[in-house]
Amino acid sequence: MAVRANQTTTANSSVEARKIDLSTSFGERWQGLLDILGISRAIEKAPGTAIRIIKTEVDLKGGNVPEGEEIPLSPVTYTEEVIDVLDLNKYGWSVSAEEIMKNGYNVAVGDADRAALSKIEGGILDKFYTALKTGTLTSIQPTFQMALAMARGYVVNEFQRMNKEATEIVGFVNTLDAYTYLGGAAINEQADFGVRYIQNFMGYRTIFLVDDTLISRGTVIACPSQNLVNYYINPENADFDRAGLVYTTDGVSNLIGIAVDGNHSRAASDAWAVYGNALFAEYLNGISVVTFGSGSLKTATVTSAAGTETGDSKIKVVYTLGNGEKAFYKEGSAAETYTYGEEVDLTGYTEIATGADVEVSGLTASNVLSVVVVNGTGQAVASGSATIVVK
């Protein structure tokens, strides 16, 4: 039998409209952010999927190879590290009948919905910024302008080394640093999707202006768009409906599922959201984290004691390595001196682990062991030395 004329159905009820509006709004806003970032990879994954980042190391061989001799291959090592798990997130919020009576449905419910979606988007972005700061392509530069320029240069150079393309770079800077540099200059700052940004500035596709709770002053981060990925859970493919959990999605991106109920026992309008979304960078050494301004060398505490075997020395370096940092040692008749931020020629140095005793042979008693810690671009950030003791 046909539906009666003027029958009110779920297709035109305000509840259904609210569900569609919430899911569509989130999908459109999030897709807009992905477009600004230049992210073309939005990949659907199952709940519980491990999110892995990739670290690459290139042991460069060759150089001035004599005529006719075989050119050695430079081995590239890829290692994966699990940084997160794509979990289903669940949130709910409620607007009381009293609030609706006082302010009207559109205002009371609309304000609550906008605030909830903004919090959800902010939570995803917070995790994204935290992941960006673990980039291993670390460097020190004197000024904000130089930091922006070199951050971009480092990621382009690193992707060239990996035979990958990095044509569009996205930058992330502290808002106050940006305005201190720009001064009174007029800029075309835009705001949307819960973020503020400038486009087409100093060779960057987009530069995001971020408050100092997310990126501290004196820090610039750069990452190629090609290095960014968005993993998500599609609520439509999660079999929720078979359990009686029916969620509305936008039917296009399907990034979030929304349900709305009238809670008569509490005289309130309840809304529920389920989603799984992870925005992250695939290659850690494809993220440049540059600090700028004045600084000084940190201290790496170095000790030497007799080893367990004759002729051995037991070396210990006490220093907590930062992102992309490595420690190296060199033997000499006197301690080496370093300047904060200088690029160290590591010829003749040997890498050493920190925090534990390392048995080293072939050292000369009473000589000095100099240790330097360099960042991801080979600049000195810490140093220490000790007189060598040999068994």
Protein backbone atom coordinates (compact mmCIF):
# COMPACT_ATOMS: atom_id res chain seq x y z
CA MET A 1 0.00 0.00 0.00
CA ALA A 2 1.30 3.47 -0.88
CA VAL A 3 2.37 5.91 1.81
CA ARG A 4 -0.47 8.26 2.75
CA ALA A 5 -0.33 11.84 1.53
CA ASN A 6 1.37 14.27 3.90
CA GLN A 7 2.72 11.38 5.99
CA THR A 8 5.69 12.51 8.09
CA THR A 9 8.58 10.06 7.52
CA THR A 10 12.15 9.76 8.68
CA ALA A 11 13.24 11.14 5.32
CA ASN A 12 11.97 14.61 6.21
CA SER A 13 12.17 14.60 9.98
CA SER A 14 14.54 16.95 11.79
CA VAL A 15 16.20 13.97 13.50
CA GLU A 16 17.19 12.43 10.19
CA ALA A 17 18.28 15.80 8.86
CA ARG A 18 20.47 16.34 11.92
CA LYS A 19 22.21 13.00 11.44
CA ILE A 20 22.86 13.71 7.78
CA ASP A 21 24.05 17.24 8.53
CA LEU A 22 26.51 16.08 11.20
CA SER A 23 28.03 13.27 9.14
CA THR A 24 28.19 15.37 5.96
CA SER A 25 29.64 18.40 7.78
CA PHE A 26 32.41 16.34 9.31
CA GLY A 27 33.19 14.61 6.02
CA GLU A 28 33.30 17.84 4.03
CA ARG A 29 35.37 19.69 6.62
CA TRP A 30 37.85 16.86 6.95
CA GLN A 31 38.15 16.41 3.19
CA GLY A 32 38.76 20.14 2.95
CA LEU A 33 41.66 19.84 5.38
CA LEU A 34 43.10 16.90 3.44
CA ASP A 35 42.91 18.99 0.26
CA ILE A 36 44.79 21.86 1.92
CA LEU A 37 47.43 19.43 3.15
CA GLY A 38 47.63 17.93 -0.33
CA ILE A 39 46.83 14.43 0.94
CA SER A 40 45.58 12.16 -1.80
CA ARG A 41 45.82 8.92 0.17
CA ALA A 42 42.76 8.30 2.34
CA ILE A 43 42.79 4.56 2.99
CA GLU A 44 40.06 2.55 4.65
CA LYS A 45 41.33 0.09 7.27
CA ALA A 46 39.78 -2.35 9.71
CA PRO A 47 39.58 -1.48 13.42
CA GLY A 48 42.73 -2.58 15.27
CA THR A 49 45.05 -1.97 12.30
CA ALA A 50 48.58 -1.16 13.45
CA ILE A 51 49.84 2.19 12.16
CA ARG A 52 53.48 1.90 11.19
CA ILE A 53 56.01 4.55 10.34
CA ILE A 54 59.08 3.83 8.23
CA LYS A 55 62.66 4.76 8.98
CA THR A 56 65.27 4.57 6.22
CA GLU A 57 69.04 4.44 6.51
CA VAL A 58 71.36 4.73 3.50
CA ASP A 59 74.93 3.44 3.89
CA LEU A 60 76.49 5.36 1.00
CA LYS A 61 79.25 3.42 -0.74
CA GLY A 62 81.37 4.24 -3.74
CA GLY A 63 82.59 7.74 -4.49
CA ASN A 64 85.81 8.00 -6.46
CA VAL A 65 85.79 4.43 -7.83
CA PRO A 66 88.84 3.66 -10.01
CA GLU A 67 88.24 3.20 -13.71
CA GLY A 68 87.00 -0.28 -14.60
CA GLU A 69 86.31 -1.36 -11.01
CA GLU A 70 82.87 -2.41 -9.87
CA ILE A 71 80.81 0.34 -8.26
CA PRO A 72 79.59 -0.88 -4.86
CA LEU A 73 75.88 -0.75 -4.11
CA SER A 74 74.71 1.53 -1.32
CA PRO A 75 72.43 -0.55 0.91
CA VAL A 76 69.16 1.07 1.98
CA THR A 77 67.66 -0.25 5.21
CA TYR A 78 63.94 0.17 5.89
CA THR A 79 62.67 -0.42 9.40
CA GLU A 80 59.08 -0.18 10.59
CA GLU A 81 57.87 0.98 13.97
CA VAL A 82 54.31 0.71 15.29
CA ILE A 83 53.29 4.15 16.62
CA ASP A 84 49.56 3.70 17.07
CA VAL A 85 46.56 1.45 16.53
CA LEU A 86 43.54 2.53 14.51
CA ASP A 87 40.85 2.21 17.18
CA LEU A 88 37.17 3.02 17.10
CA ASN A 89 36.44 6.21 19.03
CA LYS A 90 33.01 6.68 20.58
CA TYR A 91 31.49 9.92 21.85
CA GLY A 92 28.08 11.09 22.95
CA TRP A 93 26.53 14.41 23.96
CA SER A 94 23.11 15.44 25.16
CA VAL A 95 20.98 18.60 25.08
CA SER A 96 18.28 18.88 27.72
CA ALA A 97 14.66 19.82 27.04
CA GLU A 98 15.16 22.88 29.26
CA GLU A 99 18.08 24.08 27.13
CA ILE A 100 15.99 23.63 23.99
CA MET A 101 13.09 25.56 25.55
CA LYS A 102 15.38 28.41 26.64
CA ASN A 103 17.36 28.90 23.42
CA GLY A 104 15.33 27.14 20.78
CA TYR A 105 16.16 23.88 19.04
CA ASN A 106 18.42 25.28 16.31
CA VAL A 107 20.62 27.24 18.71
CA ALA A 108 20.80 24.72 21.57
CA VAL A 109 21.33 21.63 19.46
CA GLY A 110 23.38 23.38 16.77
CA ASP A 111 25.87 24.82 19.28
CA ALA A 112 26.30 21.43 20.97
CA ASP A 113 26.84 19.65 17.65
CA ARG A 114 29.39 22.19 16.40
CA ALA A 115 31.32 22.08 19.67
CA ALA A 116 31.39 18.27 19.68
CA LEU A 117 32.61 17.98 16.08
CA SER A 118 35.25 20.66 16.72
CA LYS A 119 36.57 18.68 19.70
CA ILE A 120 36.68 15.48 17.64
CA GLU A 121 38.58 17.20 14.82
CA GLY A 122 40.95 18.82 17.34
CA GLY A 123 41.74 15.48 18.95
CA ILE A 124 42.76 13.97 15.60
CA LEU A 125 44.94 17.00 14.82
CA ASP A 126 46.58 16.92 18.26
CA LYS A 127 47.80 13.36 17.64
CA PHE A 128 48.96 14.40 14.19
CA TYR A 129 51.08 17.27 15.55
CA THR A 130 52.54 14.98 18.23
CA ALA A 131 53.59 12.51 15.53
CA LEU A 132 55.11 15.27 13.37
CA LYS A 133 57.40 16.34 16.22
CA THR A 134 59.04 12.89 16.22
CA GLY A 135 60.56 13.54 12.78
CA THR A 136 64.23 12.54 12.69
CA LEU A 137 65.50 15.06 10.12
CA THR A 138 66.45 17.48 12.89
CA SER A 139 68.50 20.64 12.45
CA ILE A 140 69.52 23.96 14.03
CA GLN A 141 69.35 27.28 12.19
CA PRO A 142 69.95 30.89 13.32
CA THR A 143 66.69 32.57 12.22
CA PHE A 144 63.04 31.85 11.47
CA GLN A 145 63.54 32.60 7.76
CA MET A 146 66.57 30.30 7.54
CA ALA A 147 64.69 27.60 9.47
CA LEU A 148 61.79 27.73 6.99
CA ALA A 149 64.12 27.61 4.01
CA MET A 150 66.33 24.80 5.31
CA ALA A 151 63.42 22.73 6.62
CA ARG A 152 62.04 22.66 3.10
CA GLY A 153 65.48 22.00 1.62
CA TYR A 154 66.20 19.09 3.95
CA VAL A 155 63.01 17.20 3.11
CA VAL A 156 63.45 17.74 -0.64
CA ASN A 157 67.04 16.49 -0.39
CA GLU A 158 66.06 13.47 1.74
CA PHE A 159 63.32 12.41 -0.66
CA GLN A 160 65.74 12.74 -3.56
CA ARG A 161 68.07 10.35 -1.72
CA MET A 162 65.19 7.88 -1.42
CA ASN A 163 64.35 8.33 -5.12
CA LYS A 164 60.97 9.75 -4.15
CA GLU A 165 59.25 12.93 -5.23
CA ALA A 166 58.63 15.81 -2.84
CA THR A 167 57.12 18.53 -4.98
CA GLU A 168 54.68 20.05 -2.48
CA ILE A 169 55.86 20.82 1.04
CA VAL A 170 53.62 21.63 3.99
CA GLY A 171 55.01 23.66 6.91
CA PHE A 172 53.94 23.98 10.55
CA VAL A 173 55.09 26.96 12.62
CA ASN A 174 54.24 28.67 15.87
CA THR A 175 51.76 31.51 15.30
CA LEU A 176 53.78 34.04 17.33
CA ASP A 177 57.01 33.17 15.50
CA ALA A 178 55.28 33.77 12.16
CA TYR A 179 53.89 37.15 13.19
CA THR A 180 57.17 38.21 14.82
CA TYR A 181 58.90 37.56 11.50
CA LEU A 182 56.21 39.10 9.33
CA GLY A 183 55.77 42.17 11.52
CA GLY A 184 53.36 44.57 9.89
CA ALA A 185 53.36 42.80 6.54
CA ALA A 186 49.92 42.05 5.12
CA ILE A 187 49.38 38.34 4.63
CA ASN A 188 46.49 36.36 3.28
CA GLU A 189 45.80 34.29 6.37
CA GLN A 190 42.88 31.89 6.10
CA ALA A 191 40.95 30.01 8.76
CA ASP A 192 38.90 26.87 8.34
CA PHE A 193 38.61 23.30 9.61
CA GLY A 194 39.76 24.45 13.04
CA VAL A 195 43.17 25.61 11.73
CA ARG A 196 44.75 28.84 10.47
CA TYR A 197 47.06 28.77 7.49
CA ILE A 198 48.90 30.69 4.77
CA GLN A 199 49.22 29.31 1.26
CA ASN A 200 52.03 29.68 -1.29
CA PHE A 201 54.58 31.23 1.06
CA MET A 202 58.38 30.81 0.65
CA GLY A 203 57.93 27.81 -1.62
CA TYR A 204 55.53 25.99 0.70
CA ARG A 205 52.15 24.73 -0.49
CA THR A 206 50.67 25.62 2.89
CA ILE A 207 52.06 26.86 6.20
CA PHE A 208 49.90 26.11 9.22
CA LEU A 209 49.95 28.57 12.13
CA VAL A 210 49.82 26.56 15.35
CA ASP A 211 49.57 27.64 18.99
CA ASP A 212 52.43 26.95 21.39
CA THR A 213 50.66 24.08 23.15
CA LEU A 214 51.16 22.08 19.93
CA ILE A 215 54.37 23.53 18.44
CA SER A 216 56.65 25.51 20.73
CA ARG A 217 58.25 28.80 19.73
CA GLY A 218 61.54 28.40 17.93
CA THR A 219 60.43 25.30 15.99
CA VAL A 220 59.60 24.84 12.31
CA ILE A 221 58.34 21.53 10.87
CA ALA A 222 58.22 20.64 7.17
CA CYS A 223 56.80 17.55 5.51
CA PRO A 224 56.02 16.66 1.89
CA SER A 225 52.36 16.12 1.09
CA GLN A 226 53.38 12.82 -0.49
CA ASN A 227 54.54 11.65 2.95
CA LEU A 228 51.12 12.15 4.56
CA VAL A 229 48.45 9.45 4.83
CA ASN A 230 44.94 9.36 6.29
CA TYR A 231 43.73 5.99 7.59
CA TYR A 232 40.09 5.66 8.61
CA ILE A 233 37.43 3.19 9.69
CA ASN A 234 34.22 3.13 7.65
CA PRO A 235 31.30 2.68 10.08
CA GLU A 236 29.17 1.36 7.20
CA ASN A 237 31.46 -1.66 6.80
CA ALA A 238 31.70 -2.53 10.50
CA ASP A 239 28.56 -4.70 10.83
CA PHE A 240 27.15 -2.36 13.49
CA ASP A 241 23.65 -2.58 12.00
CA ARG A 242 23.55 -6.33 12.64
CA ALA A 243 23.90 -5.52 16.34
CA GLY A 244 21.10 -2.97 16.20
CA LEU A 245 23.51 -0.04 16.07
CA VAL A 246 22.47 2.02 13.08
CA TYR A 247 24.68 4.99 12.22
CA THR A 248 24.24 7.53 9.45
CA THR A 249 27.23 8.36 7.24
CA ASP A 250 27.53 10.88 4.44
CA GLY A 251 27.69 8.14 1.81
CA VAL A 252 30.82 9.63 0.23
CA SER A 253 33.77 9.75 2.62
CA ASN A 254 32.05 7.72 5.37
CA LEU A 255 34.54 9.03 7.93
CA ILE A 256 32.10 9.20 10.82
CA GLY A 257 28.86 7.52 11.88
CA ILE A 258 26.14 9.53 13.65
CA ALA A 259 23.08 8.40 15.61
CA VAL A 260 20.49 10.67 17.23
CA ASP A 261 17.94 9.58 19.84
CA GLY A 262 15.22 11.28 21.79
CA ASN A 263 15.85 10.23 25.41
CA HIS A 264 12.42 10.40 27.01
CA SER A 265 13.62 9.07 30.37
CA ARG A 266 15.85 12.16 30.72
CA ALA A 267 13.90 14.55 28.49
CA ALA A 268 16.95 15.20 26.34
CA SER A 269 18.17 14.90 22.77
CA ASP A 270 21.17 12.55 22.62
CA ALA A 271 23.71 12.31 19.81
CA TRP A 272 26.34 9.62 19.32
CA ALA A 273 29.40 9.57 17.08
CA VAL A 274 31.71 6.70 16.16
CA TYR A 275 34.82 7.09 14.04
CA GLY A 276 38.36 5.92 13.57
CA ASN A 277 40.76 8.36 11.96
CA ALA A 278 44.54 8.63 11.95
CA LEU A 279 46.45 11.33 10.11
CA PHE A 280 50.18 10.66 10.05
CA ALA A 281 53.45 10.81 8.10
CA GLU A 282 54.77 7.59 6.62
CA TYR A 283 58.52 8.29 6.70
CA LEU A 284 59.99 9.71 9.92
CA ASN A 285 63.14 10.86 8.15
CA GLY A 286 60.89 12.66 5.68
CA ILE A 287 59.85 15.10 8.41
CA SER A 288 62.18 18.02 9.05
CA VAL A 289 62.09 19.46 12.58
CA VAL A 290 64.23 22.61 12.73
CA THR A 291 64.89 24.73 15.80
CA PHE A 292 66.18 28.28 15.55
CA GLY A 293 67.63 30.90 17.85
CA SER A 294 70.48 30.81 20.35
CA GLY A 295 71.52 27.60 22.08
CA SER A 296 74.45 25.82 23.68
CA LEU A 297 76.00 22.38 23.68
CA LYS A 298 74.52 19.93 26.14
CA THR A 299 76.78 17.69 28.20
CA ALA A 300 77.24 14.03 27.41
CA THR A 301 78.87 12.37 30.43
CA VAL A 302 81.63 10.01 29.29
CA THR A 303 83.41 7.47 31.48
CA SER A 304 86.12 4.91 30.72
CA ALA A 305 87.09 1.88 32.79
CA ALA A 306 89.13 -1.26 32.30
CA GLY A 307 87.38 -3.78 30.06
CA THR A 308 86.85 -7.46 30.72
CA GLU A 309 89.54 -8.56 28.26
CA THR A 310 93.18 -7.50 28.09
CA GLY A 311 93.54 -4.42 25.90
CA ASP A 312 89.86 -3.52 26.18
CA SER A 313 88.23 -0.41 27.57
CA LYS A 314 84.70 -0.14 28.90
CA ILE A 315 83.09 3.07 27.64
CA LYS A 316 79.80 4.55 28.84
CA VAL A 317 78.07 7.62 27.42
CA VAL A 318 75.23 9.00 29.54
CA TYR A 319 72.96 11.08 27.34
CA THR A 320 69.34 10.75 26.21
CA LEU A 321 69.27 10.90 22.43
CA GLY A 322 66.61 13.12 20.85
CA ASN A 323 64.83 12.49 17.56
CA GLY A 324 67.36 11.72 14.84
CA GLU A 325 70.37 12.12 17.16
CA LYS A 326 73.38 9.79 17.21
CA ALA A 327 76.57 9.66 19.32
CA PHE A 328 80.07 9.17 17.93
CA TYR A 329 83.53 8.86 19.51
CA LYS A 330 87.08 9.58 18.40
CA GLU A 331 90.43 8.91 20.11
CA GLY A 332 93.14 11.54 20.30
CA SER A 333 95.89 13.00 22.40
CA ALA A 334 93.61 15.85 23.51
CA ALA A 335 89.88 16.45 23.73
CA GLU A 336 88.12 17.69 20.60
CA THR A 337 86.15 20.94 20.85
CA TYR A 338 82.79 21.57 19.20
CA THR A 339 80.46 24.51 18.67
CA TYR A 340 76.70 24.19 19.05
CA GLY A 341 75.13 23.69 15.63
CA GLU A 342 78.37 23.17 13.70
CA GLU A 343 78.36 20.47 11.01
CA VAL A 344 80.78 17.83 12.23
CA ASP A 345 83.06 15.96 9.82
CA LEU A 346 82.60 12.44 11.16
CA THR A 347 85.55 10.97 9.24
CA GLY A 348 87.49 8.85 11.71
CA TYR A 349 84.61 8.70 14.22
CA THR A 350 82.78 5.56 15.33
CA GLU A 351 79.12 5.48 16.36
CA ILE A 352 78.48 4.40 19.97
CA ALA A 353 75.35 3.49 21.89
CA THR A 354 74.37 5.61 24.88
CA GLY A 355 73.22 4.63 28.35
CA ALA A 356 75.10 1.33 28.63
CA ASP A 357 78.67 0.03 28.89
CA VAL A 358 80.30 -0.60 25.52
CA GLU A 359 83.39 -2.81 25.31
CA VAL A 360 85.94 -1.25 22.95
CA SER A 361 89.30 -2.71 21.91
CA GLY A 362 92.30 -1.05 20.29
CA LEU A 363 92.26 2.15 22.35
CA THR A 364 95.40 3.63 23.90
CA ALA A 365 95.59 4.17 27.64
CA SER A 366 95.89 7.79 28.79
CA ASN A 367 94.66 9.13 25.43
CA VAL A 368 91.39 11.10 25.37
CA LEU A 369 88.10 9.76 24.05
CA SER A 370 86.00 12.59 22.61
CA VAL A 371 82.27 12.04 22.14
CA VAL A 372 79.98 14.24 20.04
CA VAL A 373 76.23 13.92 19.65
CA VAL A 374 74.88 15.13 16.31
CA ASN A 375 71.30 15.73 15.18
CA GLY A 376 69.64 14.34 12.07
CA THR A 377 71.60 16.65 9.77
CA GLY A 378 75.00 16.12 11.41
CA GLN A 379 75.17 19.22 13.62
CA ALA A 380 76.71 19.09 17.10
CA VAL A 381 74.21 19.28 19.96
CA ALA A 382 76.17 17.71 22.84
CA SER A 383 79.70 16.60 23.69
CA GLY A 384 81.87 15.08 26.38
CA SER A 385 85.24 13.45 26.91
CA ALA A 386 87.15 11.10 29.21
CA THR A 387 90.67 9.80 29.70
CA ILE A 388 90.92 6.27 28.32
CA VAL A 389 91.49 3.42 30.75
CA VAL A 390 92.57 0.04 29.30
CA LYS A 391 92.88 -3.35 31.00
